[in-house]
Amino acid sequence: MTDSNSLLSLYEELVQNHASQFDPEIADLQQLVKARMQELRGLEQTLVEAQATELKRITDALATDARCLLATPGLATFVQELKKIQSNNWYTRKSEFSIAEDPTTWLLATLELTIQQIRSL
């Protein structure tokens, strides 16, 4: 029969061997991951700040005059999708209002004054 002290000491030796082999490598890997995460956060922050700057420019332009959006492909696509959704919903009541396909033909595009000027009248 094997002595329990020798079993435990053998196991303890294996645990120590494992720790001495892998713990330093795991610690190094954790440091590399931490450094890379900090680098990525910095890069992301730079991008977020640039996006915030551009978004501010967009909101300032829209606050001054929303007509700048009328000729954008995104708005035209949105209008087409909206009309498609409305036409696909056969169970809904037909709207009394129709939306022109081309946003540049909307009444907003024909106004002489900017939205900001109209608000101040």
C-alpha atoms as a PDB file:
ATOM      1  CA  MET A   1       0.000   0.000   0.000  1.00  0.00           C
ATOM      2  CA  THR A   2       1.256   3.442  -0.937  1.00  0.00           C
ATOM      3  CA  ASP A   3       1.883   6.013   1.717  1.00  0.00           C
ATOM      4  CA  SER A   4      -0.567   8.963   1.612  1.00  0.00           C
ATOM      5  CA  ASN A   5       2.277  11.428   2.192  1.00  0.00           C
ATOM      6  CA  SER A   6       4.081  10.240  -0.906  1.00  0.00           C
ATOM      7  CA  LEU A   7       0.845  10.503  -2.954  1.00  0.00           C
ATOM      8  CA  LEU A   8       0.229  14.032  -1.781  1.00  0.00           C
ATOM      9  CA  SER A   9       3.845  15.067  -2.274  1.00  0.00           C
ATOM     10  CA  LEU A  10       3.834  13.691  -5.814  1.00  0.00           C
ATOM     11  CA  TYR A  11       0.652  15.598  -6.573  1.00  0.00           C
ATOM     12  CA  GLU A  12       2.047  18.777  -4.998  1.00  0.00           C
ATOM     13  CA  GLU A  13       5.180  18.416  -7.124  1.00  0.00           C
ATOM     14  CA  LEU A  14       3.021  18.186 -10.278  1.00  0.00           C
ATOM     15  CA  VAL A  15       1.047  21.293  -9.258  1.00  0.00           C
ATOM     16  CA  GLN A  16       4.273  23.221  -8.649  1.00  0.00           C
ATOM     17  CA  ASN A  17       5.695  22.022 -11.959  1.00  0.00           C
ATOM     18  CA  HIS A  18       2.540  23.114 -13.750  1.00  0.00           C
ATOM     19  CA  ALA A  19       2.598  26.535 -12.092  1.00  0.00           C
ATOM     20  CA  SER A  20       6.272  27.112 -12.870  1.00  0.00           C
ATOM     21  CA  GLN A  21       5.798  26.135 -16.525  1.00  0.00           C
ATOM     22  CA  PHE A  22       2.553  27.902 -17.395  1.00  0.00           C
ATOM     23  CA  ASP A  23       1.951  30.747 -14.953  1.00  0.00           C
ATOM     24  CA  PRO A  24       4.698  33.010 -16.379  1.00  0.00           C
ATOM     25  CA  GLU A  25       3.485  32.414 -19.948  1.00  0.00           C
ATOM     26  CA  ILE A  26      -0.119  33.075 -18.972  1.00  0.00           C
ATOM     27  CA  ALA A  27       0.927  36.280 -17.180  1.00  0.00           C
ATOM     28  CA  ASP A  28       2.861  37.418 -20.282  1.00  0.00           C
ATOM     29  CA  LEU A  29      -0.129  36.660 -22.486  1.00  0.00           C
ATOM     30  CA  GLN A  30      -2.431  38.581 -20.151  1.00  0.00           C
ATOM     31  CA  GLN A  31      -0.111  41.597 -20.375  1.00  0.00           C
ATOM     32  CA  LEU A  32      -0.096  41.393 -24.178  1.00  0.00           C
ATOM     33  CA  VAL A  33      -3.903  41.230 -24.265  1.00  0.00           C
ATOM     34  CA  LYS A  34      -4.171  44.144 -21.836  1.00  0.00           C
ATOM     35  CA  ALA A  35      -1.782  46.279 -23.910  1.00  0.00           C
ATOM     36  CA  ARG A  36      -3.615  45.419 -27.155  1.00  0.00           C
ATOM     37  CA  MET A  37      -6.976  46.240 -25.574  1.00  0.00           C
ATOM     38  CA  GLN A  38      -5.657  49.642 -24.490  1.00  0.00           C
ATOM     39  CA  GLU A  39      -4.355  50.242 -28.007  1.00  0.00           C
ATOM     40  CA  LEU A  40      -7.717  49.288 -29.522  1.00  0.00           C
ATOM     41  CA  ARG A  41      -9.587  51.506 -27.051  1.00  0.00           C
ATOM     42  CA  GLY A  42      -7.386  54.427 -28.067  1.00  0.00           C
ATOM     43  CA  LEU A  43      -7.991  53.792 -31.752  1.00  0.00           C
ATOM     44  CA  GLU A  44     -11.718  53.424 -31.139  1.00  0.00           C
ATOM     45  CA  GLN A  45     -11.811  56.654 -29.136  1.00  0.00           C
ATOM     46  CA  THR A  46     -10.159  58.505 -32.015  1.00  0.00           C
ATOM     47  CA  LEU A  47     -12.782  57.172 -34.405  1.00  0.00           C
ATOM     48  CA  VAL A  48     -15.660  57.952 -32.033  1.00  0.00           C
ATOM     49  CA  GLU A  49     -14.402  61.520 -31.629  1.00  0.00           C
ATOM     50  CA  ALA A  50     -14.199  61.926 -35.413  1.00  0.00           C
ATOM     51  CA  GLN A  51     -17.734  60.558 -35.769  1.00  0.00           C
ATOM     52  CA  ALA A  52     -18.991  62.929 -33.067  1.00  0.00           C
ATOM     53  CA  THR A  53     -17.395  65.864 -34.874  1.00  0.00           C
ATOM     54  CA  GLU A  54     -19.044  64.908 -38.172  1.00  0.00           C
ATOM     55  CA  LEU A  55     -22.380  64.282 -36.466  1.00  0.00           C
ATOM     56  CA  LYS A  56     -22.185  67.756 -34.915  1.00  0.00           C
ATOM     57  CA  ARG A  57     -21.587  69.230 -38.369  1.00  0.00           C
ATOM     58  CA  ILE A  58     -24.596  67.323 -39.706  1.00  0.00           C
ATOM     59  CA  THR A  59     -26.902  68.378 -36.871  1.00  0.00           C
ATOM     60  CA  ASP A  60     -25.753  71.992 -37.210  1.00  0.00           C
ATOM     61  CA  ALA A  61     -26.503  71.889 -40.940  1.00  0.00           C
ATOM     62  CA  LEU A  62     -29.908  70.322 -40.324  1.00  0.00           C
ATOM     63  CA  ALA A  63     -30.720  72.875 -37.645  1.00  0.00           C
ATOM     64  CA  THR A  64     -29.951  75.613 -40.142  1.00  0.00           C
ATOM     65  CA  ASP A  65     -31.697  74.134 -43.162  1.00  0.00           C
ATOM     66  CA  ALA A  66     -33.007  70.582 -43.530  1.00  0.00           C
ATOM     67  CA  ARG A  67     -33.146  70.889 -47.305  1.00  0.00           C
ATOM     68  CA  CYS A  68     -29.546  69.709 -47.472  1.00  0.00           C
ATOM     69  CA  LEU A  69     -30.913  66.186 -46.964  1.00  0.00           C
ATOM     70  CA  LEU A  70     -33.354  66.246 -49.870  1.00  0.00           C
ATOM     71  CA  ALA A  71     -30.845  65.284 -52.551  1.00  0.00           C
ATOM     72  CA  THR A  72     -29.105  62.549 -50.559  1.00  0.00           C
ATOM     73  CA  PRO A  73     -29.378  58.971 -51.843  1.00  0.00           C
ATOM     74  CA  GLY A  74     -30.097  57.774 -48.306  1.00  0.00           C
ATOM     75  CA  LEU A  75     -33.278  59.834 -48.037  1.00  0.00           C
ATOM     76  CA  ALA A  76     -34.465  58.705 -51.474  1.00  0.00           C
ATOM     77  CA  THR A  77     -33.854  55.083 -50.493  1.00  0.00           C
ATOM     78  CA  PHE A  78     -35.680  55.619 -47.203  1.00  0.00           C
ATOM     79  CA  VAL A  79     -38.683  57.096 -49.016  1.00  0.00           C
ATOM     80  CA  GLN A  80     -38.784  54.204 -51.469  1.00  0.00           C
ATOM     81  CA  GLU A  81     -38.607  51.670 -48.623  1.00  0.00           C
ATOM     82  CA  LEU A  82     -41.316  53.524 -46.718  1.00  0.00           C
ATOM     83  CA  LYS A  83     -43.586  53.488 -49.759  1.00  0.00           C
ATOM     84  CA  LYS A  84     -42.880  49.794 -50.295  1.00  0.00           C
ATOM     85  CA  ILE A  85     -43.778  49.010 -46.678  1.00  0.00           C
ATOM     86  CA  GLN A  86     -47.000  50.995 -46.983  1.00  0.00           C
ATOM     87  CA  SER A  87     -47.983  49.249 -50.208  1.00  0.00           C
ATOM     88  CA  ASN A  88     -47.199  45.812 -48.753  1.00  0.00           C
ATOM     89  CA  ASN A  89     -49.531  46.410 -45.828  1.00  0.00           C
ATOM     90  CA  TRP A  90     -52.773  45.720 -47.706  1.00  0.00           C
ATOM     91  CA  TYR A  91     -54.694  45.488 -44.443  1.00  0.00           C
ATOM     92  CA  THR A  92     -53.962  49.079 -43.445  1.00  0.00           C
ATOM     93  CA  ARG A  93     -56.183  51.942 -44.445  1.00  0.00           C
ATOM     94  CA  LYS A  94     -54.923  53.841 -47.462  1.00  0.00           C
ATOM     95  CA  SER A  95     -53.330  57.110 -46.423  1.00  0.00           C
ATOM     96  CA  GLU A  96     -54.845  60.343 -47.593  1.00  0.00           C
ATOM     97  CA  PHE A  97     -51.343  61.656 -48.097  1.00  0.00           C
ATOM     98  CA  SER A  98     -48.967  60.511 -50.768  1.00  0.00           C
ATOM     99  CA  ILE A  99     -45.222  60.808 -50.643  1.00  0.00           C
ATOM    100  CA  ALA A 100     -43.484  61.858 -53.835  1.00  0.00           C
ATOM    101  CA  GLU A 101     -40.834  59.374 -54.954  1.00  0.00           C
ATOM    102  CA  ASP A 102     -38.205  62.079 -55.417  1.00  0.00           C
ATOM    103  CA  PRO A 103     -37.612  64.122 -52.239  1.00  0.00           C
ATOM    104  CA  THR A 104     -36.087  66.950 -54.279  1.00  0.00           C
ATOM    105  CA  THR A 105     -39.589  67.683 -55.605  1.00  0.00           C
ATOM    106  CA  TRP A 106     -41.079  68.116 -52.157  1.00  0.00           C
ATOM    107  CA  LEU A 107     -42.515  71.477 -51.157  1.00  0.00           C
ATOM    108  CA  LEU A 108     -39.609  71.917 -48.762  1.00  0.00           C
ATOM    109  CA  ALA A 109     -37.229  72.082 -51.729  1.00  0.00           C
ATOM    110  CA  THR A 110     -39.182  74.940 -53.322  1.00  0.00           C
ATOM    111  CA  LEU A 111     -39.069  77.276 -50.328  1.00  0.00           C
ATOM    112  CA  GLU A 112     -37.047  80.425 -50.873  1.00  0.00           C
ATOM    113  CA  LEU A 113     -36.026  80.840 -47.233  1.00  0.00           C
ATOM    114  CA  THR A 114     -34.101  78.446 -45.053  1.00  0.00           C
ATOM    115  CA  ILE A 115     -35.936  76.673 -42.253  1.00  0.00           C
ATOM    116  CA  GLN A 116     -34.077  78.816 -39.727  1.00  0.00           C
ATOM    117  CA  GLN A 117     -35.228  81.989 -41.501  1.00  0.00           C
ATOM    118  CA  ILE A 118     -38.821  80.752 -41.603  1.00  0.00           C
ATOM    119  CA  ARG A 119     -38.763  80.000 -37.874  1.00  0.00           C
ATOM    120  CA  SER A 120     -37.572  83.503 -37.085  1.00  0.00           C
ATOM    121  CA  LEU A 121     -40.449  85.146 -39.029  1.00  0.00           C
END
